[in-house]
Amino acid sequence: MYMITKKLTQIEKEIDTTKKKLRLLGEMRPGTLTLQYKDPKKKEGGYYQLSYTHKMKSRTEYIRPLFVREIEKQVKIYKKFKKLIERWVDLSIEYSRLKMEKEKREI
């Protein structure tokens, strides 16, 4: 019983740490930023394209070179966001299972 309680406390701390990291992320955008060419064989006429799916709609936006660094940063932050959310869900599932196990043993 002590081990379960200890593990629950550890998970709570990890969830809190994850929430703090999420709060600090900043601006984000989903998607993939790629350099495309009007003539791929000669690599001429290059332009940047951001492709993503949001609310079940696929979208493509053209990005001016001036904004490429900012969009790259936002896409990177979004990927970090997704990993943190996945971690939070994993921890929550484990927490729920342990909590049920603990309550079952107390009966």
C-alpha atoms as a PDB file:
ATOM      1  CA  MET A   1       0.000   0.000   0.000  1.00  0.00           C
ATOM      2  CA  TYR A   2       2.850   2.387   0.865  1.00  0.00           C
ATOM      3  CA  MET A   3       4.472   1.818  -2.522  1.00  0.00           C
ATOM      4  CA  ILE A   4       1.262   2.712  -4.360  1.00  0.00           C
ATOM      5  CA  THR A   5       0.855   5.912  -2.327  1.00  0.00           C
ATOM      6  CA  LYS A   6       4.471   6.834  -2.985  1.00  0.00           C
ATOM      7  CA  LYS A   7       4.053   6.218  -6.727  1.00  0.00           C
ATOM      8  CA  LEU A   8       0.838   8.298  -6.807  1.00  0.00           C
ATOM      9  CA  THR A   9       2.680  11.210  -5.188  1.00  0.00           C
ATOM     10  CA  GLN A  10       5.520  10.865  -7.695  1.00  0.00           C
ATOM     11  CA  ILE A  11       3.061  10.909 -10.613  1.00  0.00           C
ATOM     12  CA  GLU A  12       1.307  14.009  -9.215  1.00  0.00           C
ATOM     13  CA  LYS A  13       4.665  15.813  -9.120  1.00  0.00           C
ATOM     14  CA  GLU A  14       5.458  14.780 -12.684  1.00  0.00           C
ATOM     15  CA  ILE A  15       2.045  15.999 -13.874  1.00  0.00           C
ATOM     16  CA  ASP A  16       2.635  19.346 -12.150  1.00  0.00           C
ATOM     17  CA  THR A  17       6.053  19.644 -13.812  1.00  0.00           C
ATOM     18  CA  THR A  18       4.485  18.874 -17.194  1.00  0.00           C
ATOM     19  CA  LYS A  19       1.796  21.541 -16.657  1.00  0.00           C
ATOM     20  CA  LYS A  20       4.471  24.113 -15.788  1.00  0.00           C
ATOM     21  CA  LYS A  21       6.384  23.301 -18.974  1.00  0.00           C
ATOM     22  CA  LEU A  22       3.181  23.658 -21.005  1.00  0.00           C
ATOM     23  CA  ARG A  23       2.508  27.108 -19.569  1.00  0.00           C
ATOM     24  CA  LEU A  24       5.911  28.347 -20.748  1.00  0.00           C
ATOM     25  CA  LEU A  25       5.709  27.226 -24.372  1.00  0.00           C
ATOM     26  CA  GLY A  26       4.563  30.335 -26.238  1.00  0.00           C
ATOM     27  CA  GLU A  27       3.309  30.675 -29.800  1.00  0.00           C
ATOM     28  CA  MET A  28       2.905  27.498 -31.820  1.00  0.00           C
ATOM     29  CA  ARG A  29       1.706  26.235 -35.177  1.00  0.00           C
ATOM     30  CA  PRO A  30       1.036  22.672 -36.300  1.00  0.00           C
ATOM     31  CA  GLY A  31       2.448  21.350 -39.514  1.00  0.00           C
ATOM     32  CA  THR A  32       5.496  20.825 -41.613  1.00  0.00           C
ATOM     33  CA  LEU A  33       7.448  23.618 -43.252  1.00  0.00           C
ATOM     34  CA  THR A  34       9.140  22.635 -46.492  1.00  0.00           C
ATOM     35  CA  LEU A  35      11.051  24.315 -49.278  1.00  0.00           C
ATOM     36  CA  GLN A  36       9.380  23.635 -52.622  1.00  0.00           C
ATOM     37  CA  TYR A  37      10.529  24.470 -56.142  1.00  0.00           C
ATOM     38  CA  LYS A  38       8.574  25.531 -59.209  1.00  0.00           C
ATOM     39  CA  ASP A  39      11.178  23.603 -61.213  1.00  0.00           C
ATOM     40  CA  PRO A  40      12.404  20.780 -58.931  1.00  0.00           C
ATOM     41  CA  LYS A  41      14.913  19.401 -61.451  1.00  0.00           C
ATOM     42  CA  LYS A  42      16.815  22.683 -61.678  1.00  0.00           C
ATOM     43  CA  LYS A  43      15.903  23.718 -58.119  1.00  0.00           C
ATOM     44  CA  GLU A  44      14.629  27.051 -59.359  1.00  0.00           C
ATOM     45  CA  GLY A  45      11.801  29.205 -58.062  1.00  0.00           C
ATOM     46  CA  GLY A  46      12.040  28.138 -54.438  1.00  0.00           C
ATOM     47  CA  TYR A  47       9.264  28.957 -51.979  1.00  0.00           C
ATOM     48  CA  TYR A  48       8.306  27.844 -48.459  1.00  0.00           C
ATOM     49  CA  GLN A  49       5.126  25.973 -47.770  1.00  0.00           C
ATOM     50  CA  LEU A  50       3.480  25.130 -44.431  1.00  0.00           C
ATOM     51  CA  SER A  51       1.166  22.103 -44.580  1.00  0.00           C
ATOM     52  CA  TYR A  52      -1.024  21.042 -41.671  1.00  0.00           C
ATOM     53  CA  THR A  53      -4.371  19.576 -40.665  1.00  0.00           C
ATOM     54  CA  HIS A  54      -6.596  21.443 -38.221  1.00  0.00           C
ATOM     55  CA  LYS A  55     -10.181  20.563 -37.295  1.00  0.00           C
ATOM     56  CA  MET A  56     -10.020  17.730 -39.811  1.00  0.00           C
ATOM     57  CA  LYS A  57      -9.212  20.100 -42.690  1.00  0.00           C
ATOM     58  CA  SER A  58      -5.960  19.920 -44.577  1.00  0.00           C
ATOM     59  CA  ARG A  59      -4.419  23.305 -45.234  1.00  0.00           C
ATOM     60  CA  THR A  60      -1.430  24.725 -47.052  1.00  0.00           C
ATOM     61  CA  GLU A  61      -0.001  28.208 -46.586  1.00  0.00           C
ATOM     62  CA  TYR A  62       2.798  29.905 -48.418  1.00  0.00           C
ATOM     63  CA  ILE A  63       5.356  31.470 -46.081  1.00  0.00           C
ATOM     64  CA  ARG A  64       7.501  34.441 -47.046  1.00  0.00           C
ATOM     65  CA  PRO A  65      11.231  34.001 -46.410  1.00  0.00           C
ATOM     66  CA  LEU A  66      11.042  36.805 -43.840  1.00  0.00           C
ATOM     67  CA  PHE A  67       8.834  34.627 -41.599  1.00  0.00           C
ATOM     68  CA  VAL A  68      10.508  31.222 -42.085  1.00  0.00           C
ATOM     69  CA  ARG A  69      12.552  31.294 -38.859  1.00  0.00           C
ATOM     70  CA  GLU A  70       9.540  32.279 -36.758  1.00  0.00           C
ATOM     71  CA  ILE A  71       7.341  29.584 -38.319  1.00  0.00           C
ATOM     72  CA  GLU A  72      10.094  26.976 -37.817  1.00  0.00           C
ATOM     73  CA  LYS A  73      10.234  27.952 -34.154  1.00  0.00           C
ATOM     74  CA  GLN A  74       6.438  27.761 -33.809  1.00  0.00           C
ATOM     75  CA  VAL A  75       6.320  24.322 -35.463  1.00  0.00           C
ATOM     76  CA  LYS A  76       9.063  23.087 -33.120  1.00  0.00           C
ATOM     77  CA  ILE A  77       7.141  24.396 -30.092  1.00  0.00           C
ATOM     78  CA  TYR A  78       3.990  22.646 -31.329  1.00  0.00           C
ATOM     79  CA  LYS A  79       5.861  19.327 -31.512  1.00  0.00           C
ATOM     80  CA  LYS A  80       7.083  19.863 -27.952  1.00  0.00           C
ATOM     81  CA  PHE A  81       3.490  20.665 -26.927  1.00  0.00           C
ATOM     82  CA  LYS A  82       2.254  17.394 -28.435  1.00  0.00           C
ATOM     83  CA  LYS A  83       4.935  15.391 -26.576  1.00  0.00           C
ATOM     84  CA  LEU A  84       4.095  17.074 -23.268  1.00  0.00           C
ATOM     85  CA  ILE A  85       0.369  16.414 -23.726  1.00  0.00           C
ATOM     86  CA  GLU A  86       1.097  12.776 -24.559  1.00  0.00           C
ATOM     87  CA  ARG A  87       3.221  12.503 -21.406  1.00  0.00           C
ATOM     88  CA  TRP A  88       0.440  14.052 -19.311  1.00  0.00           C
ATOM     89  CA  VAL A  89      -2.104  11.561 -20.680  1.00  0.00           C
ATOM     90  CA  ASP A  90       0.256   8.622 -20.029  1.00  0.00           C
ATOM     91  CA  LEU A  91       0.782   9.777 -16.446  1.00  0.00           C
ATOM     92  CA  SER A  92      -2.946  10.312 -15.928  1.00  0.00           C
ATOM     93  CA  ILE A  93      -3.744   6.791 -17.115  1.00  0.00           C
ATOM     94  CA  GLU A  94      -1.112   5.319 -14.794  1.00  0.00           C
ATOM     95  CA  TYR A  95      -2.378   7.477 -11.926  1.00  0.00           C
ATOM     96  CA  SER A  96      -5.955   6.352 -12.470  1.00  0.00           C
ATOM     97  CA  ARG A  97      -4.984   2.667 -12.537  1.00  0.00           C
ATOM     98  CA  LEU A  98      -2.918   2.949  -9.369  1.00  0.00           C
ATOM     99  CA  LYS A  99      -5.656   4.875  -7.585  1.00  0.00           C
ATOM    100  CA  MET A 100      -8.196   2.157  -8.426  1.00  0.00           C
ATOM    101  CA  GLU A 101      -5.741  -0.525  -7.294  1.00  0.00           C
ATOM    102  CA  LYS A 102      -5.213   1.284  -4.003  1.00  0.00           C
ATOM    103  CA  GLU A 103      -8.954   1.671  -3.392  1.00  0.00           C
ATOM    104  CA  LYS A 104      -9.531  -1.992  -4.266  1.00  0.00           C
ATOM    105  CA  ARG A 105      -6.981  -3.038  -1.645  1.00  0.00           C
ATOM    106  CA  GLU A 106      -8.562  -0.797   0.987  1.00  0.00           C
ATOM    107  CA  ILE A 107     -11.909  -2.587   0.692  1.00  0.00           C
END
